[in-house]
C-alpha atoms as a PDB file:
ATOM      1  CA  MET A   1     -42.443 235.677 -33.663  1.00  0.00           C
ATOM      2  CA  TYR A   2     -43.159 232.970 -36.182  1.00  0.00           C
ATOM      3  CA  LEU A   3     -43.759 233.697 -39.831  1.00  0.00           C
ATOM      4  CA  SER A   4     -47.168 232.028 -39.500  1.00  0.00           C
ATOM      5  CA  ASP A   5     -48.227 234.670 -36.942  1.00  0.00           C
ATOM      6  CA  ILE A   6     -48.456 237.328 -39.625  1.00  0.00           C
ATOM      7  CA  TYR A   7     -51.825 237.943 -41.220  1.00  0.00           C
ATOM      8  CA  TYR A   8     -51.654 238.472 -44.988  1.00  0.00           C
ATOM      9  CA  ILE A   9     -49.703 237.691 -48.108  1.00  0.00           C
ATOM     10  CA  ARG A  10     -49.677 240.681 -50.379  1.00  0.00           C
ATOM     11  CA  LEU A  11     -48.212 239.882 -53.763  1.00  0.00           C
ATOM     12  CA  ARG A  12     -47.596 242.777 -56.086  1.00  0.00           C
ATOM     13  CA  VAL A  13     -46.999 242.027 -59.716  1.00  0.00           C
ATOM     14  CA  SER A  14     -46.934 245.220 -61.750  1.00  0.00           C
ATOM     15  CA  THR A  15     -49.605 247.392 -60.101  1.00  0.00           C
ATOM     16  CA  GLN A  16     -52.091 244.715 -58.994  1.00  0.00           C
ATOM     17  CA  PHE A  17     -52.218 243.288 -55.475  1.00  0.00           C
ATOM     18  CA  ILE A  18     -53.356 239.801 -54.620  1.00  0.00           C
ATOM     19  CA  TYR A  19     -54.222 239.163 -50.967  1.00  0.00           C
ATOM     20  CA  LEU A  20     -53.798 235.694 -49.503  1.00  0.00           C
ATOM     21  CA  ASN A  21     -54.367 234.556 -45.919  1.00  0.00           C
ATOM     22  CA  LYS A  22     -51.896 234.244 -43.048  1.00  0.00           C
ATOM     23  CA  LEU A  23     -48.630 235.817 -44.187  1.00  0.00           C
ATOM     24  CA  PHE A  24     -47.792 239.340 -45.252  1.00  0.00           C
ATOM     25  CA  LEU A  25     -45.445 239.203 -48.187  1.00  0.00           C
ATOM     26  CA  PHE A  26     -44.657 241.960 -50.563  1.00  0.00           C
ATOM     27  CA  LEU A  27     -42.954 240.942 -53.768  1.00  0.00           C
ATOM     28  CA  ALA A  28     -42.572 243.593 -56.415  1.00  0.00           C
ATOM     29  CA  LEU A  29     -41.230 242.571 -59.759  1.00  0.00           C
ATOM     30  CA  CYS A  30     -39.222 245.624 -60.779  1.00  0.00           C
ATOM     31  CA  LEU A  31     -37.601 244.737 -64.071  1.00  0.00           C
ATOM     32  CA  SER A  32     -37.574 248.309 -65.385  1.00  0.00           C
ATOM     33  CA  CYS A  33     -38.078 250.505 -62.306  1.00  0.00           C
ATOM     34  CA  ASN A  34     -36.283 253.792 -61.669  1.00  0.00           C
ATOM     35  CA  PHE A  35     -33.756 252.901 -58.961  1.00  0.00           C
ATOM     36  CA  ALA A  36     -31.995 256.262 -58.667  1.00  0.00           C
ATOM     37  CA  VAL A  37     -33.880 257.540 -55.598  1.00  0.00           C
ATOM     38  CA  ALA A  38     -34.942 254.300 -53.906  1.00  0.00           C
ATOM     39  CA  GLN A  39     -33.078 252.293 -51.285  1.00  0.00           C
ATOM     40  CA  VAL A  40     -32.424 248.629 -52.051  1.00  0.00           C
ATOM     41  CA  VAL A  41     -33.282 246.566 -48.941  1.00  0.00           C
ATOM     42  CA  ASN A  42     -32.605 242.952 -49.998  1.00  0.00           C
ATOM     43  CA  GLY A  43     -29.623 240.688 -50.527  1.00  0.00           C
ATOM     44  CA  TYR A  44     -29.566 238.513 -53.662  1.00  0.00           C
ATOM     45  CA  ALA A  45     -27.768 235.428 -54.964  1.00  0.00           C
ATOM     46  CA  LYS A  46     -28.093 233.198 -58.022  1.00  0.00           C
ATOM     47  CA  VAL A  47     -28.829 229.559 -57.181  1.00  0.00           C
ATOM     48  CA  THR A  48     -26.622 227.336 -59.358  1.00  0.00           C
ATOM     49  CA  ALA A  49     -27.549 223.971 -57.798  1.00  0.00           C
ATOM     50  CA  ILE A  50     -30.055 222.497 -55.366  1.00  0.00           C
ATOM     51  CA  SER A  51     -29.332 219.265 -53.533  1.00  0.00           C
ATOM     52  CA  SER A  52     -31.975 218.402 -50.952  1.00  0.00           C
ATOM     53  CA  ALA A  53     -31.988 221.457 -48.623  1.00  0.00           C
ATOM     54  CA  THR A  54     -28.624 222.850 -49.784  1.00  0.00           C
ATOM     55  CA  LEU A  55     -28.418 225.666 -52.336  1.00  0.00           C
ATOM     56  CA  THR A  56     -25.147 226.421 -54.136  1.00  0.00           C
ATOM     57  CA  LEU A  57     -24.741 230.144 -54.848  1.00  0.00           C
ATOM     58  CA  SER A  58     -22.987 232.541 -57.216  1.00  0.00           C
ATOM     59  CA  ASN A  59     -23.406 236.235 -58.125  1.00  0.00           C
ATOM     60  CA  VAL A  60     -23.961 237.102 -54.447  1.00  0.00           C
ATOM     61  CA  ASN A  61     -24.893 240.714 -53.664  1.00  0.00           C
ATOM     62  CA  GLU A  62     -25.095 241.519 -49.946  1.00  0.00           C
ATOM     63  CA  ALA A  63     -24.701 245.290 -50.260  1.00  0.00           C
ATOM     64  CA  ALA A  64     -28.120 245.963 -48.679  1.00  0.00           C
ATOM     65  CA  ASP A  65     -28.735 242.841 -46.542  1.00  0.00           C
ATOM     66  CA  THR A  66     -26.865 239.648 -45.709  1.00  0.00           C
ATOM     67  CA  PHE A  67     -27.774 235.971 -45.676  1.00  0.00           C
ATOM     68  CA  GLU A  68     -27.621 234.847 -42.041  1.00  0.00           C
ATOM     69  CA  ASP A  69     -28.521 231.664 -40.158  1.00  0.00           C
ATOM     70  CA  ASN A  70     -32.141 231.505 -38.897  1.00  0.00           C
ATOM     71  CA  GLU A  71     -33.290 234.309 -41.193  1.00  0.00           C
ATOM     72  CA  TRP A  72     -35.989 233.935 -43.851  1.00  0.00           C
ATOM     73  CA  VAL A  73     -35.398 233.930 -47.603  1.00  0.00           C
ATOM     74  CA  VAL A  74     -37.447 233.759 -50.784  1.00  0.00           C
ATOM     75  CA  ILE A  75     -36.425 231.175 -53.389  1.00  0.00           C
ATOM     76  CA  MET A  76     -37.745 232.232 -56.789  1.00  0.00           C
ATOM     77  CA  GLN A  77     -37.649 230.831 -60.303  1.00  0.00           C
ATOM     78  CA  MET A  78     -37.030 233.920 -62.427  1.00  0.00           C
ATOM     79  CA  GLN A  79     -36.622 232.270 -65.829  1.00  0.00           C
ATOM     80  CA  GLY A  80     -37.459 228.757 -66.963  1.00  0.00           C
ATOM     81  CA  ASP A  81     -37.908 228.875 -70.705  1.00  0.00           C
ATOM     82  CA  VAL A  82     -37.402 225.930 -72.984  1.00  0.00           C
ATOM     83  CA  ILE A  83     -36.998 226.621 -76.685  1.00  0.00           C
ATOM     84  CA  GLY A  84     -39.202 224.251 -78.681  1.00  0.00           C
ATOM     85  CA  THR A  85     -37.604 223.904 -82.115  1.00  0.00           C
ATOM     86  CA  THR A  86     -33.848 224.245 -82.356  1.00  0.00           C
ATOM     87  CA  THR A  87     -33.507 223.783 -86.105  1.00  0.00           C
ATOM     88  CA  ASP A  88     -33.626 226.643 -88.622  1.00  0.00           C
ATOM     89  CA  VAL A  89     -37.355 226.606 -89.401  1.00  0.00           C
ATOM     90  CA  VAL A  90     -40.247 229.070 -89.095  1.00  0.00           C
ATOM     91  CA  GLY A  91     -40.936 228.043 -85.488  1.00  0.00           C
ATOM     92  CA  PHE A  92     -37.335 228.529 -84.321  1.00  0.00           C
ATOM     93  CA  GLY A  93     -37.168 230.445 -81.073  1.00  0.00           C
ATOM     94  CA  ASN A  94     -40.759 229.783 -80.004  1.00  0.00           C
ATOM     95  CA  LEU A  95     -40.954 228.879 -76.363  1.00  0.00           C
ATOM     96  CA  SER A  96     -42.366 225.430 -75.769  1.00  0.00           C
ATOM     97  CA  SER A  97     -42.774 226.032 -72.042  1.00  0.00           C
ATOM     98  CA  ILE A  98     -41.998 228.618 -69.383  1.00  0.00           C
ATOM     99  CA  ASN A  99     -41.747 225.779 -66.849  1.00  0.00           C
ATOM    100  CA  SER A 100     -41.855 227.150 -63.299  1.00  0.00           C
ATOM    101  CA  THR A 101     -41.173 230.826 -64.017  1.00  0.00           C
ATOM    102  CA  GLY A 102     -42.599 232.952 -61.186  1.00  0.00           C
ATOM    103  CA  LEU A 103     -42.724 230.048 -58.731  1.00  0.00           C
ATOM    104  CA  TYR A 104     -41.490 231.018 -55.271  1.00  0.00           C
ATOM    105  CA  GLU A 105     -41.517 229.885 -51.674  1.00  0.00           C
ATOM    106  CA  ILE A 106     -40.296 231.122 -48.328  1.00  0.00           C
ATOM    107  CA  ARG A 107     -37.752 229.128 -46.340  1.00  0.00           C
ATOM    108  CA  GLN A 108     -35.560 229.646 -43.282  1.00  0.00           C
ATOM    109  CA  ILE A 109     -31.753 229.401 -43.378  1.00  0.00           C
ATOM    110  CA  ASP A 110     -30.312 226.691 -41.146  1.00  0.00           C
ATOM    111  CA  SER A 111     -26.631 227.377 -41.920  1.00  0.00           C
ATOM    112  CA  HIS A 112     -24.421 228.832 -44.589  1.00  0.00           C
ATOM    113  CA  THR A 113     -20.852 228.441 -45.829  1.00  0.00           C
ATOM    114  CA  GLU A 114     -18.707 231.406 -46.808  1.00  0.00           C
ATOM    115  CA  SER A 115     -15.521 231.909 -48.770  1.00  0.00           C
ATOM    116  CA  GLY A 116     -13.815 235.258 -48.307  1.00  0.00           C
ATOM    117  CA  GLY A 117     -16.865 236.547 -46.399  1.00  0.00           C
ATOM    118  CA  VAL A 118     -19.271 235.740 -49.253  1.00  0.00           C
ATOM    119  CA  PRO A 119     -21.821 232.892 -49.009  1.00  0.00           C
ATOM    120  CA  THR A 120     -21.131 229.989 -51.367  1.00  0.00           C
ATOM    121  CA  SER A 121     -23.887 227.706 -50.099  1.00  0.00           C
ATOM    122  CA  ILE A 122     -26.948 227.878 -47.886  1.00  0.00           C
ATOM    123  CA  THR A 123     -28.590 224.959 -46.122  1.00  0.00           C
ATOM    124  CA  LEU A 124     -32.272 225.479 -45.404  1.00  0.00           C
ATOM    125  CA  LYS A 125     -34.098 224.175 -42.330  1.00  0.00           C
ATOM    126  CA  ASN A 126     -36.521 222.338 -44.654  1.00  0.00           C
ATOM    127  CA  THR A 127     -36.198 221.012 -48.184  1.00  0.00           C
ATOM    128  CA  PRO A 128     -37.987 223.237 -50.735  1.00  0.00           C
ATOM    129  CA  ASN A 129     -41.540 222.150 -51.548  1.00  0.00           C
ATOM    130  CA  PHE A 130     -41.134 222.844 -55.250  1.00  0.00           C
ATOM    131  CA  THR A 131     -38.748 221.707 -57.953  1.00  0.00           C
ATOM    132  CA  TYR A 132     -36.775 224.545 -59.508  1.00  0.00           C
ATOM    133  CA  ASP A 133     -35.236 224.370 -62.980  1.00  0.00           C
ATOM    134  CA  ILE A 134     -31.466 224.882 -63.048  1.00  0.00           C
ATOM    135  CA  CYS A 135     -30.323 224.993 -66.684  1.00  0.00           C
ATOM    136  CA  THR A 136     -28.683 227.191 -69.319  1.00  0.00           C
ATOM    137  CA  ASN A 137     -31.885 229.106 -70.099  1.00  0.00           C
ATOM    138  CA  CYS A 138     -33.128 229.082 -66.491  1.00  0.00           C
ATOM    139  CA  SER A 139     -32.543 231.369 -63.548  1.00  0.00           C
ATOM    140  CA  VAL A 140     -33.287 230.787 -59.868  1.00  0.00           C
ATOM    141  CA  GLN A 141     -32.390 233.275 -57.173  1.00  0.00           C
ATOM    142  CA  ILE A 142     -32.555 233.511 -53.400  1.00  0.00           C
ATOM    143  CA  ILE A 143     -33.558 236.829 -51.826  1.00  0.00           C
ATOM    144  CA  THR A 144     -33.304 237.943 -48.210  1.00  0.00           C
ATOM    145  CA  PHE A 145     -36.737 238.380 -46.648  1.00  0.00           C
ATOM    146  CA  LYS A 146     -36.610 241.211 -44.111  1.00  0.00           C
ATOM    147  CA  LYS A 147     -39.102 242.051 -41.413  1.00  0.00           C
ATOM    148  CA  PHE A 148     -40.006 245.720 -41.100  1.00  0.00           C
ATOM    149  CA  GLY A 149     -42.037 246.480 -37.978  1.00  0.00           C
ATOM    150  CA  THR A 150     -45.587 245.247 -37.467  1.00  0.00           C
ATOM    151  CA  THR A 151     -48.278 244.296 -39.966  1.00  0.00           C
ATOM    152  CA  ASP A 152     -49.276 247.996 -40.070  1.00  0.00           C
ATOM    153  CA  TYR A 153     -45.717 249.129 -40.886  1.00  0.00           C
ATOM    154  CA  THR A 154     -45.521 252.314 -42.949  1.00  0.00           C
ATOM    155  CA  THR A 155     -42.584 254.229 -44.343  1.00  0.00           C
ATOM    156  CA  THR A 156     -42.053 257.417 -46.302  1.00  0.00           C
ATOM    157  CA  ALA A 157     -38.747 256.146 -47.706  1.00  0.00           C
ATOM    158  CA  ASN A 158     -38.650 254.764 -51.228  1.00  0.00           C
ATOM    159  CA  MET A 159     -37.716 251.066 -51.329  1.00  0.00           C
ATOM    160  CA  SER A 160     -36.680 249.234 -54.446  1.00  0.00           C
ATOM    161  CA  ALA A 161     -35.169 246.061 -55.805  1.00  0.00           C
ATOM    162  CA  LEU A 162     -31.733 245.695 -57.254  1.00  0.00           C
ATOM    163  CA  PRO A 163     -32.240 245.985 -61.035  1.00  0.00           C
ATOM    164  CA  TRP A 164     -32.629 242.577 -62.710  1.00  0.00           C
ATOM    165  CA  ASP A 165     -29.382 241.709 -64.494  1.00  0.00           C
ATOM    166  CA  GLY A 166     -30.322 238.271 -65.838  1.00  0.00           C
ATOM    167  CA  ASN A 167     -29.001 236.543 -62.714  1.00  0.00           C
ATOM    168  CA  ILE A 168     -30.173 238.461 -59.641  1.00  0.00           C
ATOM    169  CA  GLY A 169     -32.411 241.366 -58.628  1.00  0.00           C
ATOM    170  CA  GLY A 170     -35.796 242.506 -59.853  1.00  0.00           C
ATOM    171  CA  VAL A 171     -37.669 241.521 -56.673  1.00  0.00           C
ATOM    172  CA  LEU A 172     -38.402 243.517 -53.532  1.00  0.00           C
ATOM    173  CA  ALA A 173     -39.375 241.199 -50.668  1.00  0.00           C
ATOM    174  CA  PHE A 174     -40.249 242.049 -47.076  1.00  0.00           C
ATOM    175  CA  TYR A 175     -42.783 241.294 -44.368  1.00  0.00           C
END
């Protein structure tokens, strides 16, 4: 099955759903969710560099799912703030731009490199469409994108994201 064969994108931010055509995607931003009773279903890694189609990784968490060749992933800009004034004045600390915060896309893994069984880099089948900000005040992560059943998949189990720690987590993604 190809990702394009699926019918809807369903994006959940807070409690609102946005439906888009073609692909069923569920992204839940869970920055302060109760994770005690829910099962985490994704793998996560911080992206520290992007060179063409190759992503360099750190802070890898594969406790719930692993990054494997030919599987789908979500690349997401989690933070992208730029502080406007850096001198000690009234406007110090005001954000001049949030850049690409919230920007995401879905890509397929072509290959990956591991060290000690943990991925250190992932090469995608295609170069990302978007430019992601990698900087001191920025955060980009890659999230495994699991398929659960058909487009009418239902479950009674609670699913959740790994809690956001400033580097990884905070997003539940599946199709």
